[in-house]
Protein backbone atom coordinates (compact mmCIF):
# COMPACT_ATOMS: atom_id res chain seq x y z
CA MET A 1 46.69 27.82 -151.76
CA SER A 2 45.76 31.05 -149.99
CA GLY A 3 47.64 33.66 -147.99
CA THR A 4 51.23 34.73 -148.49
CA MET A 5 54.58 33.05 -147.96
CA THR A 6 57.87 33.88 -146.33
CA LEU A 7 60.84 32.30 -148.06
CA ASN A 8 64.52 31.85 -147.32
CA LEU A 9 66.59 32.48 -150.43
CA LYS A 10 70.18 31.42 -150.99
CA ILE A 11 71.34 33.32 -154.08
CA TRP A 12 74.62 33.31 -155.98
CA ARG A 13 76.16 36.80 -155.88
CA GLN A 14 79.10 37.66 -158.10
CA PRO A 15 79.85 41.32 -158.86
CA ASN A 16 81.59 40.64 -162.18
CA SER A 17 83.11 37.87 -164.30
CA GLN A 18 86.54 38.21 -162.69
CA ALA A 19 85.38 38.29 -159.06
CA LYS A 20 84.91 35.27 -156.84
CA GLY A 21 81.22 34.60 -156.19
CA GLN A 22 79.43 33.19 -153.18
CA MET A 23 75.98 32.18 -151.96
CA LYS A 24 74.24 34.82 -149.81
CA ASP A 25 71.15 34.51 -147.64
CA TYR A 26 68.01 36.62 -148.02
CA LYS A 27 64.52 36.48 -146.56
CA VAL A 28 61.52 37.70 -148.50
CA SER A 29 57.95 37.86 -147.20
CA GLY A 30 54.50 38.73 -148.48
CA ILE A 31 54.91 36.46 -151.51
CA SER A 32 51.67 35.42 -153.17
CA PRO A 33 51.51 31.85 -154.48
CA ASP A 34 50.13 33.34 -157.72
CA MET A 35 53.31 35.34 -158.38
CA SER A 36 55.81 34.12 -160.93
CA PHE A 37 59.32 33.30 -159.79
CA LEU A 38 60.68 36.44 -161.45
CA GLU A 39 58.02 38.58 -159.76
CA MET A 40 59.26 37.18 -156.46
CA LEU A 41 62.79 38.29 -157.39
CA ASP A 42 61.39 41.71 -158.29
CA ILE A 43 59.93 41.98 -154.78
CA LEU A 44 63.29 40.97 -153.31
CA ASN A 45 65.12 43.58 -155.39
CA GLU A 46 62.71 46.33 -154.32
CA LYS A 47 63.47 45.36 -150.72
CA LEU A 48 67.25 45.40 -151.32
CA ILE A 49 67.04 48.83 -152.95
CA ARG A 50 64.94 50.25 -150.10
CA GLU A 51 67.34 48.85 -147.51
CA LYS A 52 70.40 50.02 -149.49
CA ASP A 53 71.92 46.55 -149.47
CA PRO A 54 75.69 46.85 -150.10
CA ASP A 55 75.54 44.27 -152.91
CA GLY A 56 72.62 46.04 -154.57
CA PRO A 57 69.73 44.28 -156.34
CA VAL A 58 70.22 40.78 -157.72
CA ALA A 59 71.00 40.82 -161.44
CA PHE A 60 69.05 38.25 -163.47
CA ASP A 61 68.14 37.85 -167.14
CA HIS A 62 64.61 38.26 -168.45
CA ASP A 63 62.75 39.64 -171.44
CA CYS A 64 59.37 38.37 -172.62
CA ARG A 65 58.33 36.69 -169.34
CA GLU A 66 56.04 34.51 -171.46
CA GLY A 67 58.20 31.39 -171.86
CA ILE A 68 59.22 32.34 -175.40
CA CYS A 69 62.63 34.03 -175.42
CA GLY A 70 64.69 31.69 -173.19
CA MET A 71 66.48 34.50 -171.35
CA CYS A 72 65.19 33.71 -167.86
CA GLY A 73 67.06 30.48 -167.18
CA LEU A 74 67.98 29.98 -163.52
CA PHE A 75 69.19 26.91 -161.62
CA ILE A 76 66.59 26.51 -158.88
CA ASN A 77 67.08 23.93 -156.14
CA GLY A 78 69.41 21.97 -158.38
CA ARG A 79 67.20 21.97 -161.49
CA PRO A 80 67.20 24.22 -164.55
CA HIS A 81 64.07 26.41 -164.47
CA GLY A 82 62.93 24.82 -161.21
CA PRO A 83 60.68 21.90 -160.20
CA TRP A 84 57.94 22.09 -162.85
CA LYS A 85 58.52 20.00 -165.98
CA GLY A 86 58.20 21.79 -169.31
CA THR A 87 58.25 25.24 -167.71
CA THR A 88 60.61 28.19 -168.03
CA THR A 89 61.65 30.16 -164.94
CA CYS A 90 59.39 33.07 -165.84
CA GLN A 91 56.38 30.73 -166.06
CA LEU A 92 57.20 28.98 -162.77
CA HIS A 93 54.77 30.17 -160.08
CA MET A 94 55.42 30.41 -156.38
CA ARG A 95 52.70 27.85 -155.63
CA ALA A 96 55.40 25.33 -156.52
CA PHE A 97 56.89 26.13 -153.08
CA LYS A 98 55.63 26.17 -149.49
CA ASP A 99 55.73 28.81 -146.80
CA GLY A 100 59.09 28.70 -145.03
CA ASP A 101 60.89 26.89 -147.86
CA THR A 102 64.57 27.48 -148.54
CA ILE A 103 65.27 28.04 -152.24
CA TYR A 104 68.72 27.84 -153.81
CA ILE A 105 69.10 30.07 -156.89
CA GLU A 106 72.17 29.87 -159.13
CA PRO A 107 73.20 30.73 -162.70
CA TRP A 108 73.85 28.12 -165.38
CA ARG A 109 77.21 26.43 -164.68
CA ALA A 110 79.26 25.89 -167.84
CA LYS A 111 82.66 26.98 -169.15
CA ALA A 112 81.00 28.23 -172.33
CA PHE A 113 78.46 30.27 -170.30
CA PRO A 114 80.65 32.57 -168.16
CA VAL A 115 78.91 34.53 -165.42
CA ILE A 116 78.59 38.26 -166.18
CA LYS A 117 77.06 39.25 -162.84
CA ASP A 118 75.10 37.34 -160.19
CA LEU A 119 72.60 35.19 -162.12
CA VAL A 120 73.34 36.69 -165.55
CA ILE A 121 75.44 34.59 -167.93
CA ASP A 122 76.93 35.18 -171.36
CA ARG A 123 75.04 32.95 -173.81
CA SER A 124 76.66 34.42 -176.93
CA ALA A 125 78.29 31.03 -177.63
CA PHE A 126 74.88 29.90 -178.87
CA ASP A 127 74.69 32.94 -181.16
CA ARG A 128 78.06 32.09 -182.69
CA ILE A 129 76.96 28.50 -183.34
CA ILE A 130 73.89 29.80 -185.16
CA GLN A 131 76.03 32.25 -187.14
CA ALA A 132 78.30 29.38 -188.17
CA GLY A 133 75.56 27.67 -190.13
CA GLY A 134 72.07 27.80 -188.67
CA TYR A 135 70.47 29.55 -191.61
CA ILE A 136 69.61 29.10 -195.27
CA SER A 137 70.96 31.35 -198.03
CA VAL A 138 68.51 30.35 -200.74
CA ASN A 139 67.11 33.29 -202.69
CA THR A 140 63.39 32.63 -202.48
CA GLY A 141 62.37 35.58 -204.64
CA VAL A 142 58.80 36.72 -204.22
CA THR A 143 56.67 35.20 -201.49
CA VAL A 144 55.24 31.87 -202.59
CA ASP A 145 52.04 30.20 -201.55
CA ALA A 146 52.34 28.08 -198.40
CA ASN A 147 51.34 24.96 -200.35
CA GLU A 148 53.82 25.56 -203.19
CA ILE A 149 56.34 23.10 -201.68
CA PRO A 150 54.46 20.05 -200.38
CA ILE A 151 55.89 18.75 -197.11
CA PRO A 152 54.52 15.57 -195.48
CA LYS A 153 52.79 16.29 -192.18
CA GLU A 154 55.06 13.91 -190.25
CA VAL A 155 58.13 15.80 -191.53
CA ALA A 156 56.57 19.18 -190.82
CA ASP A 157 55.65 18.09 -187.28
CA GLU A 158 59.18 16.86 -186.58
CA ALA A 159 60.72 20.06 -187.96
CA PHE A 160 58.36 22.11 -185.82
CA ASP A 161 59.31 20.05 -182.75
CA ALA A 162 62.94 21.01 -183.34
CA ALA A 163 62.04 24.64 -184.07
CA THR A 164 60.43 25.05 -180.64
CA CYS A 165 63.92 25.21 -179.07
CA ILE A 166 64.26 28.65 -177.43
CA GLY A 167 68.02 28.44 -176.82
CA CYS A 168 67.74 28.92 -173.07
CA GLY A 169 70.69 26.64 -172.31
CA ALA A 170 68.94 24.37 -169.79
CA CYS A 171 70.31 21.36 -171.69
CA VAL A 172 73.86 22.63 -171.14
CA ALA A 173 73.23 23.49 -167.50
CA VAL A 174 71.89 20.05 -166.57
CA CYS A 175 74.39 18.00 -168.58
CA LYS A 176 77.26 16.58 -166.54
CA ASN A 177 79.55 17.41 -169.49
CA ALA A 178 77.96 20.81 -170.26
CA SER A 179 77.15 19.51 -173.74
CA ALA A 180 75.25 21.65 -176.25
CA MET A 181 74.31 18.70 -178.45
CA LEU A 182 70.55 19.02 -177.92
CA PHE A 183 70.60 22.71 -178.86
CA VAL A 184 72.75 22.15 -181.95
CA ALA A 185 70.73 19.07 -182.91
CA ALA A 186 67.49 21.04 -182.76
CA LYS A 187 68.87 23.80 -184.99
CA VAL A 188 70.41 21.38 -187.50
CA SER A 189 67.38 19.08 -187.50
CA GLN A 190 64.93 21.93 -188.02
CA LEU A 191 66.58 22.87 -191.32
CA ALA A 192 67.77 19.44 -192.47
CA LEU A 193 64.20 18.11 -192.48
CA LEU A 194 62.83 20.80 -194.78
CA PRO A 195 63.56 21.15 -198.52
CA GLN A 196 64.73 24.75 -198.08
CA GLY A 197 67.55 23.60 -195.81
CA LYS A 198 68.86 20.67 -197.81
CA PRO A 199 71.24 22.49 -200.24
CA GLU A 200 73.54 23.49 -197.36
CA ARG A 201 72.96 20.56 -195.04
CA LYS A 202 76.50 19.18 -195.20
CA ARG A 203 78.32 22.48 -194.70
CA ARG A 204 75.84 23.47 -191.98
CA VAL A 205 76.33 20.50 -189.70
CA GLU A 206 80.12 20.52 -190.05
CA LYS A 207 80.43 24.22 -189.32
CA MET A 208 78.01 24.23 -186.40
CA ILE A 209 79.64 21.26 -184.69
CA ALA A 210 83.09 22.75 -185.25
CA GLN A 211 81.92 25.99 -183.63
CA MET A 212 80.30 24.09 -180.76
CA ASP A 213 83.62 22.39 -180.05
CA ALA A 214 85.52 25.67 -180.35
CA GLU A 215 83.25 27.26 -177.74
CA GLY A 216 84.25 24.64 -175.16
CA PHE A 217 81.04 22.66 -174.76
CA GLY A 218 81.46 19.06 -173.60
CA SER A 219 80.63 15.77 -175.29
CA CYS A 220 77.28 14.00 -175.21
CA THR A 221 77.01 10.72 -173.30
CA ASN A 222 73.26 10.21 -173.89
CA THR A 223 72.14 10.30 -170.27
CA GLY A 224 68.92 12.03 -171.37
CA ALA A 225 69.04 14.75 -168.71
CA CYS A 226 68.86 17.42 -171.43
CA GLU A 227 65.54 16.14 -172.80
CA ALA A 228 64.15 15.68 -169.28
CA GLU A 229 64.86 19.28 -168.29
CA CYS A 230 64.23 21.03 -171.61
CA PRO A 231 61.28 23.42 -171.07
CA LYS A 232 60.10 22.74 -174.63
CA GLY A 233 60.57 18.97 -174.52
CA ILE A 234 63.04 18.74 -177.42
CA SER A 235 63.52 15.04 -178.17
CA LEU A 236 66.81 13.12 -178.07
CA THR A 237 65.91 11.77 -181.50
CA HIS A 238 67.21 15.05 -182.92
CA ILE A 239 70.68 14.22 -181.53
CA ALA A 240 70.51 10.92 -183.42
CA ARG A 241 69.68 12.84 -186.59
CA LEU A 242 72.55 15.27 -185.91
CA ASN A 243 74.97 12.35 -185.65
CA ARG A 244 73.69 10.86 -188.91
CA GLU A 245 73.94 14.21 -190.68
CA TYR A 246 77.48 14.71 -189.39
CA ILE A 247 78.72 11.24 -190.39
CA TYR A 248 77.22 11.58 -193.86
CA SER A 249 78.71 15.04 -194.25
CA LYS A 250 82.22 13.99 -193.19
CA LEU A 251 82.19 11.04 -195.57
CA THR A 252 81.41 13.35 -198.49
CA SER A 253 82.88 16.58 -197.19
CA THR A 254 84.05 19.36 -199.49
CA LEU A 255 85.26 21.57 -196.63
CA VAL A 256 88.99 22.01 -196.11
């Protein structure tokens, strides 16, 4: 694709968490198909600043812009992170759209992810779930050789698959129940598979699920939308493992 594009943007604007938000229309031109989606928003914000738009520049989350940190999540034309499968918003390029397209841009929609401003949401619920149990407290002492604890390759691969979760929240945003099961499953599965995580496996899964429920996330009904829209392709099989871990833990629980 060559040349530049002019796009019609419909963007959610909300000045703060208490205010009532609404979709507003913007037009942006001179957009190269090689730009990333966030670079396009940068161009828009420069235009809004120059023109002294009363609403100011559009607030949106970003950090690494390399598909690693998970901060950039936006709901684009009804899909988390936009139309490309396995891609974060920051890695989505404007060649995914055509000149003259209308693009709807919204924040994640979930009770547990309240809007802070415009497209910025509060994802600290995920942090609190991790704090509830997504760690190991084993004293490892001095650094040991990587081969000191043999781990079968199949197990290591599955643990790594879970560990690729970047906590962006796309699974929550696309789920009709705003469930965080795929996120929690990835964090539980990552540690439950490895020997270092087994001593606390029962307490971990109970505490993390209890915190997930306390944060107001919905239940899982296994529609598979979370796996389909996850930019890292986290498998639903981790939810199955989470359920097994939880049932086993409750049957032998020592928590009161």
